[in-house]
């Protein structure tokens, strides 16, 4: 993740306190602001794989959103 993006996400979490930080919400706001950031999508998808390991439908939907946002030329990077 780029330094600027990771710093921004860290500040958003700190401002909402780490105990209450909704990581999904933080990622979603970041992806809404920078939808073409493959690096941010990769970090978000890695978070989803850990947080939603038992929810295959949710994971599939998130991967499809990443492809839709970044374009098919990035599918080989995102499907890692």
N, C-alpha and C. Protein backbone atom coordinates (compact mmCIF):
# COMPACT_ATOMS: atom_id res chain seq x y z
N UNK A 1 0.85 -1.16 0.00
CA UNK A 1 0.00 0.00 0.00
C UNK A 1 0.89 1.22 0.00
N UNK A 2 0.51 2.22 -0.72
CA UNK A 2 1.29 3.44 -0.76
C UNK A 2 1.34 4.10 0.60
N UNK A 3 2.42 4.81 0.84
CA UNK A 3 2.61 5.45 2.15
C UNK A 3 1.47 6.41 2.47
N UNK A 4 1.05 7.20 1.49
CA UNK A 4 -0.02 8.16 1.72
C UNK A 4 -1.33 7.46 2.07
N UNK A 5 -1.65 6.40 1.33
CA UNK A 5 -2.89 5.66 1.57
C UNK A 5 -2.88 4.97 2.92
N UNK A 6 -1.78 4.29 3.26
CA UNK A 6 -1.72 3.59 4.53
C UNK A 6 -1.75 4.57 5.69
N UNK A 7 -1.12 5.73 5.53
CA UNK A 7 -1.16 6.75 6.58
C UNK A 7 -2.59 7.25 6.76
N UNK A 8 -3.28 7.50 5.65
CA UNK A 8 -4.66 7.98 5.72
C UNK A 8 -5.56 6.96 6.42
N UNK A 9 -5.42 5.69 6.07
CA UNK A 9 -6.23 4.65 6.72
C UNK A 9 -5.90 4.55 8.20
N UNK A 10 -4.63 4.67 8.55
CA UNK A 10 -4.24 4.64 9.96
C UNK A 10 -4.84 5.79 10.74
N UNK A 11 -4.84 6.97 10.16
CA UNK A 11 -5.43 8.15 10.82
C UNK A 11 -6.92 7.95 11.00
N UNK A 12 -7.59 7.40 9.98
CA UNK A 12 -9.03 7.17 10.09
C UNK A 12 -9.33 6.21 11.24
N UNK A 13 -8.53 5.17 11.41
CA UNK A 13 -8.74 4.22 12.50
C UNK A 13 -8.46 4.87 13.84
N UNK A 14 -7.39 5.63 13.94
CA UNK A 14 -7.06 6.28 15.21
C UNK A 14 -8.14 7.26 15.61
N UNK A 15 -8.68 7.98 14.64
CA UNK A 15 -9.71 8.96 14.94
C UNK A 15 -11.00 8.32 15.42
N UNK A 16 -11.25 7.08 15.07
CA UNK A 16 -12.46 6.41 15.52
C UNK A 16 -12.15 5.44 16.66
N UNK A 17 -10.96 5.50 17.19
CA UNK A 17 -10.43 4.67 18.27
C UNK A 17 -10.27 3.23 17.82
N UNK A 18 -9.14 2.65 18.16
CA UNK A 18 -8.82 1.31 17.71
C UNK A 18 -9.83 0.28 18.19
N UNK A 19 -10.40 0.50 19.36
CA UNK A 19 -11.36 -0.47 19.89
C UNK A 19 -12.62 -0.53 19.03
N UNK A 20 -13.00 0.61 18.46
CA UNK A 20 -14.23 0.67 17.70
C UNK A 20 -14.01 0.75 16.20
N UNK A 21 -12.77 0.68 15.77
CA UNK A 21 -12.47 0.85 14.35
C UNK A 21 -13.10 -0.28 13.54
N UNK A 22 -13.95 0.09 12.63
CA UNK A 22 -14.57 -0.87 11.72
C UNK A 22 -13.71 -0.91 10.47
N UNK A 23 -12.84 -1.89 10.39
CA UNK A 23 -11.89 -1.96 9.30
C UNK A 23 -12.57 -2.02 7.94
N UNK A 24 -13.67 -2.73 7.84
CA UNK A 24 -14.39 -2.80 6.56
C UNK A 24 -14.82 -1.41 6.13
N UNK A 25 -15.35 -0.65 7.05
CA UNK A 25 -15.81 0.70 6.75
C UNK A 25 -14.65 1.60 6.31
N UNK A 26 -13.52 1.47 6.98
CA UNK A 26 -12.34 2.27 6.62
C UNK A 26 -11.87 1.90 5.22
N UNK A 27 -11.78 0.62 4.94
CA UNK A 27 -11.38 0.19 3.60
C UNK A 27 -12.38 0.66 2.55
N UNK A 28 -13.66 0.53 2.83
CA UNK A 28 -14.68 0.94 1.87
C UNK A 28 -14.58 2.42 1.55
N UNK A 29 -14.33 3.25 2.57
CA UNK A 29 -14.16 4.69 2.31
C UNK A 29 -12.92 4.95 1.48
N UNK A 30 -11.85 4.22 1.77
CA UNK A 30 -10.62 4.38 1.00
C UNK A 30 -10.81 3.95 -0.45
N UNK A 31 -11.50 2.84 -0.65
CA UNK A 31 -11.74 2.35 -2.01
C UNK A 31 -12.70 3.24 -2.78
N UNK A 32 -13.60 3.88 -2.07
CA UNK A 32 -14.50 4.83 -2.73
C UNK A 32 -13.72 6.06 -3.19
N UNK A 33 -12.75 6.48 -2.38
CA UNK A 33 -11.94 7.65 -2.73
C UNK A 33 -10.90 7.33 -3.81
N UNK A 34 -10.36 6.11 -3.78
CA UNK A 34 -9.30 5.72 -4.72
C UNK A 34 -9.66 4.36 -5.33
N UNK A 35 -10.69 4.31 -6.16
CA UNK A 35 -11.17 3.01 -6.66
C UNK A 35 -10.20 2.27 -7.58
N UNK A 36 -9.24 2.96 -8.17
CA UNK A 36 -8.31 2.31 -9.09
C UNK A 36 -7.02 1.84 -8.42
N UNK A 37 -6.94 1.96 -7.10
CA UNK A 37 -5.74 1.56 -6.39
C UNK A 37 -5.69 0.04 -6.23
N UNK A 38 -4.93 -0.61 -7.10
CA UNK A 38 -4.79 -2.06 -7.03
C UNK A 38 -4.17 -2.45 -5.69
N UNK A 39 -3.21 -1.68 -5.23
CA UNK A 39 -2.55 -1.96 -3.96
C UNK A 39 -3.56 -1.95 -2.81
N UNK A 40 -4.42 -0.95 -2.79
CA UNK A 40 -5.44 -0.87 -1.74
C UNK A 40 -6.42 -2.04 -1.85
N UNK A 41 -6.82 -2.39 -3.07
CA UNK A 41 -7.70 -3.54 -3.25
C UNK A 41 -7.06 -4.81 -2.73
N UNK A 42 -5.77 -4.99 -3.00
CA UNK A 42 -5.08 -6.20 -2.53
C UNK A 42 -5.10 -6.26 -1.01
N UNK A 43 -4.83 -5.13 -0.35
CA UNK A 43 -4.85 -5.11 1.12
C UNK A 43 -6.27 -5.38 1.65
N UNK A 44 -7.25 -4.79 0.99
CA UNK A 44 -8.64 -5.01 1.41
C UNK A 44 -9.03 -6.48 1.23
N UNK A 45 -8.66 -7.07 0.10
CA UNK A 45 -8.99 -8.47 -0.14
C UNK A 45 -8.28 -9.39 0.84
N UNK A 46 -7.06 -9.08 1.19
CA UNK A 46 -6.35 -9.86 2.22
C UNK A 46 -7.06 -9.75 3.56
N UNK A 47 -7.53 -8.54 3.89
CA UNK A 47 -8.31 -8.36 5.12
C UNK A 47 -9.58 -9.21 5.05
N UNK A 48 -10.28 -9.16 3.92
CA UNK A 48 -11.52 -9.93 3.77
C UNK A 48 -11.27 -11.43 3.91
N UNK A 49 -10.17 -11.91 3.32
CA UNK A 49 -9.86 -13.35 3.43
C UNK A 49 -9.66 -13.77 4.87
N UNK A 50 -9.10 -12.89 5.69
CA UNK A 50 -8.90 -13.21 7.11
C UNK A 50 -10.18 -13.03 7.91
N UNK A 51 -10.91 -11.96 7.64
CA UNK A 51 -12.09 -11.64 8.43
C UNK A 51 -13.32 -12.45 8.04
N UNK A 52 -13.41 -12.86 6.79
CA UNK A 52 -14.59 -13.56 6.29
C UNK A 52 -14.23 -14.92 5.69
N UNK A 53 -13.29 -15.59 6.29
CA UNK A 53 -12.79 -16.86 5.76
C UNK A 53 -13.90 -17.89 5.54
N UNK A 54 -14.93 -17.83 6.35
CA UNK A 54 -16.01 -18.82 6.26
C UNK A 54 -17.18 -18.37 5.39
N UNK A 55 -17.06 -17.21 4.76
CA UNK A 55 -18.16 -16.68 3.95
C UNK A 55 -17.72 -16.56 2.49
N UNK A 56 -17.78 -17.66 1.78
CA UNK A 56 -17.31 -17.72 0.40
C UNK A 56 -18.05 -16.75 -0.52
N UNK A 57 -19.34 -16.59 -0.32
CA UNK A 57 -20.12 -15.68 -1.16
C UNK A 57 -19.65 -14.24 -1.01
N UNK A 58 -19.39 -13.82 0.23
CA UNK A 58 -18.91 -12.46 0.49
C UNK A 58 -17.55 -12.25 -0.18
N UNK A 59 -16.67 -13.23 -0.02
CA UNK A 59 -15.33 -13.12 -0.62
C UNK A 59 -15.41 -13.03 -2.14
N UNK A 60 -16.23 -13.86 -2.73
CA UNK A 60 -16.38 -13.83 -4.19
C UNK A 60 -16.89 -12.46 -4.64
N UNK A 61 -17.87 -11.92 -3.94
CA UNK A 61 -18.42 -10.61 -4.27
C UNK A 61 -17.35 -9.53 -4.20
N UNK A 62 -16.50 -9.57 -3.17
CA UNK A 62 -15.46 -8.56 -3.02
C UNK A 62 -14.41 -8.67 -4.13
N UNK A 63 -14.04 -9.89 -4.50
CA UNK A 63 -13.10 -10.07 -5.60
C UNK A 63 -13.70 -9.57 -6.91
N UNK A 64 -14.98 -9.82 -7.13
CA UNK A 64 -15.64 -9.34 -8.34
C UNK A 64 -15.71 -7.82 -8.36
N UNK A 65 -15.93 -7.19 -7.21
CA UNK A 65 -15.92 -5.72 -7.13
C UNK A 65 -14.54 -5.18 -7.49
N UNK A 66 -13.50 -5.85 -7.02
CA UNK A 66 -12.13 -5.40 -7.31
C UNK A 66 -11.86 -5.45 -8.81
N UNK A 67 -12.26 -6.53 -9.45
CA UNK A 67 -12.07 -6.66 -10.90
C UNK A 67 -12.87 -5.59 -11.63
N UNK A 68 -14.09 -5.37 -11.18
CA UNK A 68 -14.94 -4.36 -11.81
C UNK A 68 -14.33 -2.96 -11.67
N UNK A 69 -13.79 -2.66 -10.51
CA UNK A 69 -13.22 -1.33 -10.26
C UNK A 69 -11.90 -1.12 -10.97
N UNK A 70 -11.05 -2.12 -10.97
CA UNK A 70 -9.69 -1.98 -11.51
C UNK A 70 -9.58 -2.34 -12.98
N UNK A 71 -10.51 -3.10 -13.47
CA UNK A 71 -10.45 -3.51 -14.87
C UNK A 71 -9.82 -4.88 -15.02
N UNK A 72 -10.14 -5.51 -16.09
CA UNK A 72 -9.68 -6.88 -16.33
C UNK A 72 -8.16 -6.98 -16.50
N UNK A 73 -7.52 -5.90 -16.89
CA UNK A 73 -6.07 -5.97 -17.07
C UNK A 73 -5.33 -6.21 -15.76
N UNK A 74 -5.98 -6.00 -14.63
CA UNK A 74 -5.36 -6.20 -13.33
C UNK A 74 -5.78 -7.52 -12.67
N UNK A 75 -6.59 -8.33 -13.35
CA UNK A 75 -7.11 -9.55 -12.72
C UNK A 75 -6.02 -10.51 -12.29
N UNK A 76 -4.92 -10.58 -13.02
CA UNK A 76 -3.84 -11.50 -12.65
C UNK A 76 -3.18 -11.07 -11.35
N UNK A 77 -3.21 -9.80 -11.02
CA UNK A 77 -2.63 -9.29 -9.77
C UNK A 77 -3.59 -9.50 -8.62
N UNK A 78 -4.86 -9.22 -8.83
CA UNK A 78 -5.85 -9.27 -7.76
C UNK A 78 -6.19 -10.70 -7.35
N UNK A 79 -6.19 -11.65 -8.26
CA UNK A 79 -6.61 -13.00 -7.94
C UNK A 79 -5.55 -13.81 -7.24
N UNK A 80 -4.54 -13.17 -6.75
CA UNK A 80 -3.47 -13.86 -6.00
C UNK A 80 -4.00 -14.30 -4.66
